[in-house]
Amino acid sequence: MTISTGEAHHIATTLCVLAARLHLTRSQAESTLSSVTLNTRVGRGLKTYCRFKPQAGAVITFGQMMVIDQLRPGQAQRWLTGREMLNRGYFAGVLTPATVFSHVVLHEYAHVEQVMTGGRSRNSVHNAPFYAILDEYYALDLHNEVRDRLREYARLPNFDLDQRLSRT
């Protein structure tokens, strides 16, 4: 499945919007999150990450080349987020653009909550507290909420968000 860089930028921008919406939802549920400012941005490369900056708060970057790469045959399961979906049963291990990109939003936002709740330390990022947060998101059905909004906001002509991604 291939898309243009413009279409990838549109999807990455949508991921930014979804992360901001998730922040509003989680800030209402967890008072520790209401004190952090969340900024999102689209990067041009593969890198997709969450950083904390002293003056700016949390910054989540979604790389537009990450969007393109995850859609290439066999690539989604090579990313940590894809392996998480398969190994932990997120979205029942079904890799589609809608599930993969929804999980990327949840994964990156879980880092915000992880830092704010004291679950992250030097050299300990994808740890038990991090996965407890992700598991909670799935238990709360946030994954379906994010996926449904993604389907609504990221529509592109001739692009099926629910097409299974090839594993070869």
Protein backbone atom coordinates (compact mmCIF):
# COMPACT_ATOMS: atom_id res chain seq x y z
CA MET A 1 0.00 0.00 0.00
CA THR A 2 1.57 3.28 -1.03
CA ILE A 3 0.63 6.87 -0.38
CA SER A 4 2.16 10.20 -1.27
CA THR A 5 4.11 12.36 1.18
CA GLY A 6 1.18 14.79 1.14
CA GLU A 7 -1.21 12.02 2.13
CA ALA A 8 1.25 10.83 4.79
CA HIS A 9 1.41 14.39 6.13
CA HIS A 10 -2.41 14.43 6.31
CA ILE A 11 -2.41 11.19 8.32
CA ALA A 12 0.40 12.39 10.61
CA THR A 13 -1.52 15.63 11.19
CA THR A 14 -4.57 13.55 12.07
CA LEU A 15 -2.46 11.62 14.60
CA CYS A 16 -1.55 14.97 16.18
CA VAL A 17 -5.23 15.88 16.50
CA LEU A 18 -6.01 12.47 18.01
CA ALA A 19 -3.20 12.76 20.56
CA ALA A 20 -4.51 16.19 21.60
CA ARG A 21 -8.03 14.77 21.99
CA LEU A 22 -6.66 11.86 24.02
CA HIS A 23 -4.84 14.34 26.26
CA LEU A 24 -8.10 16.18 26.94
CA THR A 25 -9.86 12.90 27.75
CA ARG A 26 -7.10 11.62 30.00
CA SER A 27 -6.62 15.01 31.72
CA GLN A 28 -10.23 14.84 32.88
CA ALA A 29 -9.70 11.32 34.24
CA GLU A 30 -6.22 11.81 35.77
CA SER A 31 -5.54 15.08 37.58
CA THR A 32 -1.75 14.64 37.26
CA LEU A 33 -2.12 15.00 33.48
CA SER A 34 -4.00 18.29 33.60
CA SER A 35 -0.82 20.08 34.67
CA VAL A 36 1.17 19.12 31.57
CA THR A 37 1.00 21.00 28.29
CA LEU A 38 0.93 18.73 25.25
CA ASN A 39 2.24 19.95 21.91
CA THR A 40 2.20 17.82 18.80
CA ARG A 41 4.00 18.18 15.52
CA VAL A 42 4.54 16.41 12.23
CA GLY A 43 8.13 15.52 11.45
CA ARG A 44 9.44 14.83 7.98
CA GLY A 45 11.32 11.63 8.82
CA LEU A 46 10.76 8.19 10.29
CA LYS A 47 11.15 9.20 13.91
CA THR A 48 8.02 9.19 16.03
CA TYR A 49 8.58 9.99 19.68
CA CYS A 50 7.59 11.83 22.85
CA ARG A 51 9.96 14.29 24.53
CA PHE A 52 9.63 16.47 27.57
CA LYS A 53 11.00 19.98 27.41
CA PRO A 54 11.21 22.02 30.63
CA GLN A 55 9.45 25.11 29.25
CA ALA A 56 7.16 23.48 26.69
CA GLY A 57 5.89 20.35 28.44
CA ALA A 58 5.41 17.20 26.39
CA VAL A 59 6.02 17.23 22.65
CA ILE A 60 4.91 14.29 20.52
CA THR A 61 6.29 14.11 16.99
CA PHE A 62 4.68 11.88 14.36
CA GLY A 63 6.99 11.34 11.39
CA GLN A 64 5.37 11.40 7.97
CA MET A 65 7.92 8.87 6.69
CA MET A 66 6.86 6.59 9.57
CA VAL A 67 3.36 6.66 8.10
CA ILE A 68 4.70 5.69 4.67
CA ASP A 69 7.01 3.01 6.07
CA GLN A 70 4.34 1.33 8.21
CA LEU A 71 2.23 0.86 5.07
CA ARG A 72 4.98 -0.95 3.13
CA PRO A 73 4.60 -4.74 2.90
CA GLY A 74 5.98 -6.43 6.00
CA GLN A 75 7.02 -3.22 7.73
CA ALA A 76 4.33 -2.62 10.38
CA GLN A 77 5.34 -5.66 12.44
CA ARG A 78 8.98 -4.55 12.39
CA TRP A 79 8.14 -1.40 14.33
CA LEU A 80 7.91 -1.71 18.12
CA THR A 81 4.27 -0.63 17.99
CA GLY A 82 3.43 -3.40 15.52
CA ARG A 83 5.25 -5.99 17.63
CA GLU A 84 3.32 -4.77 20.66
CA MET A 85 0.05 -5.28 18.82
CA LEU A 86 1.02 -8.81 17.81
CA ASN A 87 2.64 -9.88 21.10
CA ARG A 88 0.21 -8.25 23.52
CA GLY A 89 -2.94 -8.79 21.47
CA TYR A 90 -3.78 -5.13 21.04
CA PHE A 91 -6.54 -4.82 18.43
CA ALA A 92 -6.51 -8.66 18.50
CA GLY A 93 -3.19 -8.49 16.65
CA VAL A 94 -4.87 -7.25 13.47
CA LEU A 95 -2.62 -4.85 11.55
CA THR A 96 -4.50 -2.34 9.40
CA PRO A 97 -3.70 1.32 8.84
CA ALA A 98 -6.49 2.24 11.27
CA THR A 99 -5.31 -0.07 14.05
CA VAL A 100 -1.60 0.55 13.57
CA PHE A 101 -1.86 4.35 13.57
CA SER A 102 -4.34 4.35 16.46
CA HIS A 103 -1.91 2.25 18.47
CA VAL A 104 0.95 4.64 17.60
CA VAL A 105 -1.10 7.48 19.14
CA LEU A 106 -1.78 5.44 22.28
CA HIS A 107 1.86 4.32 22.52
CA GLU A 108 3.26 7.85 22.29
CA TYR A 109 0.69 9.31 24.64
CA ALA A 110 1.37 6.52 27.17
CA HIS A 111 4.86 8.02 27.49
CA VAL A 112 3.30 11.30 28.65
CA GLU A 113 1.32 9.51 31.33
CA GLN A 114 4.31 7.33 32.22
CA VAL A 115 6.48 10.37 32.95
CA MET A 116 3.76 12.21 34.84
CA THR A 117 3.07 9.20 37.09
CA GLY A 118 6.74 8.51 37.80
CA GLY A 119 6.94 5.28 35.79
CA ARG A 120 9.88 6.31 33.63
CA SER A 121 13.50 6.46 34.63
CA ARG A 122 16.81 6.63 32.84
CA ASN A 123 17.29 3.56 30.62
CA SER A 124 13.84 2.26 31.56
CA VAL A 125 11.29 3.42 29.02
CA HIS A 126 9.26 0.49 27.67
CA ASN A 127 8.88 -1.06 31.09
CA ALA A 128 6.13 -2.60 33.25
CA PRO A 129 4.57 0.76 34.25
CA PHE A 130 4.48 1.80 30.57
CA TYR A 131 2.70 -1.39 29.52
CA ALA A 132 0.31 -1.14 32.46
CA ILE A 133 -0.74 2.26 31.09
CA LEU A 134 -1.20 0.88 27.56
CA ASP A 135 -3.15 -2.10 28.92
CA GLU A 136 -5.39 0.31 30.81
CA TYR A 137 -6.10 2.27 27.63
CA TYR A 138 -7.27 -0.93 25.96
CA ALA A 139 -9.32 -1.96 29.00
CA LEU A 140 -11.00 1.47 28.94
CA ASP A 141 -11.77 0.99 25.21
CA LEU A 142 -9.77 4.10 24.29
CA HIS A 143 -8.24 2.19 21.37
CA ASN A 144 -11.62 1.92 19.65
CA GLU A 145 -12.40 5.56 20.36
CA VAL A 146 -9.11 6.66 18.77
CA ARG A 147 -9.58 4.28 15.82
CA ASP A 148 -13.12 5.54 15.18
CA ARG A 149 -11.93 9.17 15.15
CA LEU A 150 -9.03 8.20 12.88
CA ARG A 151 -11.47 6.66 10.41
CA GLU A 152 -13.50 9.84 10.51
CA TYR A 153 -10.64 12.36 10.18
CA ALA A 154 -8.10 10.56 7.97
CA ARG A 155 -10.22 9.74 4.96
CA LEU A 156 -8.32 9.77 1.70
CA PRO A 157 -9.50 8.83 -1.80
CA ASN A 158 -8.63 5.24 -2.74
CA PHE A 159 -7.18 4.51 0.71
CA ASP A 160 -8.77 1.80 2.83
CA LEU A 161 -7.95 2.31 6.49
CA ASP A 162 -9.25 -1.17 7.29
CA GLN A 163 -7.26 -3.14 4.70
CA ARG A 164 -5.03 -5.69 6.35
CA LEU A 165 -1.36 -4.88 6.02
CA SER A 166 0.78 -7.51 4.38
CA ARG A 167 3.12 -9.46 6.62
CA THR A 168 5.66 -10.31 3.91
